[in-house]
C-alpha atoms as a PDB file:
ATOM      1  CA  MET A   1     -17.419  32.387   6.892  1.00  0.00           C
ATOM      2  CA  LEU A   2     -16.561  29.517   9.202  1.00  0.00           C
ATOM      3  CA  ILE A   3     -17.042  26.021   7.817  1.00  0.00           C
ATOM      4  CA  TYR A   4     -17.334  23.227  10.365  1.00  0.00           C
ATOM      5  CA  TYR A   5     -15.922  19.811   9.513  1.00  0.00           C
ATOM      6  CA  SER A   6     -16.692  17.026  11.887  1.00  0.00           C
ATOM      7  CA  HIS A   7     -13.962  14.611  12.854  1.00  0.00           C
ATOM      8  CA  HIS A   8     -15.996  11.732  11.428  1.00  0.00           C
ATOM      9  CA  SER A   9     -16.356  13.260   7.967  1.00  0.00           C
ATOM     10  CA  LEU A  10     -12.569  13.593   7.736  1.00  0.00           C
ATOM     11  CA  ASP A  11     -12.161   9.963   8.841  1.00  0.00           C
ATOM     12  CA  ILE A  12     -14.579   8.786   6.162  1.00  0.00           C
ATOM     13  CA  GLY A  13     -12.811  10.843   3.489  1.00  0.00           C
ATOM     14  CA  HIS A  14      -9.457   9.450   4.558  1.00  0.00           C
ATOM     15  CA  MET A  15     -10.866   5.919   4.499  1.00  0.00           C
ATOM     16  CA  ILE A  16     -12.197   6.370   0.945  1.00  0.00           C
ATOM     17  CA  VAL A  17      -8.940   7.839  -0.393  1.00  0.00           C
ATOM     18  CA  SER A  18      -6.910   5.179   1.415  1.00  0.00           C
ATOM     19  CA  SER A  19      -9.058   2.413  -0.070  1.00  0.00           C
ATOM     20  CA  ILE A  20      -8.606   3.764  -3.590  1.00  0.00           C
ATOM     21  CA  VAL A  21      -4.825   4.092  -3.195  1.00  0.00           C
ATOM     22  CA  HIS A  22      -4.501   0.604  -1.714  1.00  0.00           C
ATOM     23  CA  GLY A  23      -6.643  -0.833  -4.490  1.00  0.00           C
ATOM     24  CA  LEU A  24      -4.398   0.754  -7.123  1.00  0.00           C
ATOM     25  CA  ILE A  25      -1.255  -0.528  -5.402  1.00  0.00           C
ATOM     26  CA  TYR A  26      -2.647  -4.070  -5.063  1.00  0.00           C
ATOM     27  CA  GLY A  27      -3.730  -3.973  -8.714  1.00  0.00           C
ATOM     28  CA  ILE A  28      -0.212  -3.077  -9.813  1.00  0.00           C
ATOM     29  CA  ILE A  29       1.290  -5.813  -7.628  1.00  0.00           C
ATOM     30  CA  PHE A  30      -1.212  -8.379  -8.952  1.00  0.00           C
ATOM     31  CA  LYS A  31      -0.455  -7.488 -12.571  1.00  0.00           C
ATOM     32  CA  ALA A  32       3.304  -7.621 -11.937  1.00  0.00           C
ATOM     33  CA  PHE A  33       3.144 -11.042 -10.233  1.00  0.00           C
ATOM     34  CA  HIS A  34       0.367 -12.574 -12.337  1.00  0.00           C
ATOM     35  CA  ASN A  35       2.600 -14.549 -14.713  1.00  0.00           C
ATOM     36  CA  LEU A  36       5.277 -15.491 -12.169  1.00  0.00           C
ATOM     37  CA  SER A  37       5.505 -18.799 -10.356  1.00  0.00           C
ATOM     38  CA  PHE A  38       4.797 -18.973  -6.621  1.00  0.00           C
ATOM     39  CA  PRO A  39       8.458 -19.551  -5.612  1.00  0.00           C
ATOM     40  CA  MET A  40       9.521 -16.520  -7.684  1.00  0.00           C
ATOM     41  CA  VAL A  41       6.857 -14.357  -6.029  1.00  0.00           C
ATOM     42  CA  MET A  42       8.067 -15.517  -2.602  1.00  0.00           C
ATOM     43  CA  ILE A  43      11.713 -14.732  -3.440  1.00  0.00           C
ATOM     44  CA  ILE A  44      10.832 -11.250  -4.717  1.00  0.00           C
ATOM     45  CA  SER A  45       8.631 -10.609  -1.670  1.00  0.00           C
ATOM     46  CA  VAL A  46      11.381 -11.593   0.775  1.00  0.00           C
ATOM     47  CA  ILE A  47      13.915  -9.394  -1.034  1.00  0.00           C
ATOM     48  CA  VAL A  48      11.571  -6.384  -1.053  1.00  0.00           C
ATOM     49  CA  ILE A  49      10.654  -6.803   2.625  1.00  0.00           C
ATOM     50  CA  ALA A  50      14.348  -7.161   3.556  1.00  0.00           C
ATOM     51  CA  ALA A  51      15.229  -4.046   1.535  1.00  0.00           C
ATOM     52  CA  ILE A  52      12.474  -2.008   3.219  1.00  0.00           C
ATOM     53  CA  TYR A  53      13.558  -3.267   6.650  1.00  0.00           C
ATOM     54  CA  TRP A  54      17.207  -2.423   5.915  1.00  0.00           C
ATOM     55  CA  PHE A  55      16.276   1.054   4.645  1.00  0.00           C
ATOM     56  CA  PHE A  56      14.279   1.966   7.746  1.00  0.00           C
ATOM     57  CA  LYS A  57      16.729   0.348  10.167  1.00  0.00           C
ATOM     58  CA  ARG A  58      19.573   2.542   8.811  1.00  0.00           C
ATOM     59  CA  ARG A  59      17.758   5.751   9.713  1.00  0.00           C
END
């Protein structure tokens, strides 16, 4: 039996899963940074972005 999936139904499914995953990630980040001061959040953000940049630049 051949089941036909349209391209749009896969896009919608991907969009829903992506939204859920991003929501979970943002929730974790919000909870982690909730009690920190703004300068501390900025310092951590710069360090994380620099570490990600360094990791991908090495490859």
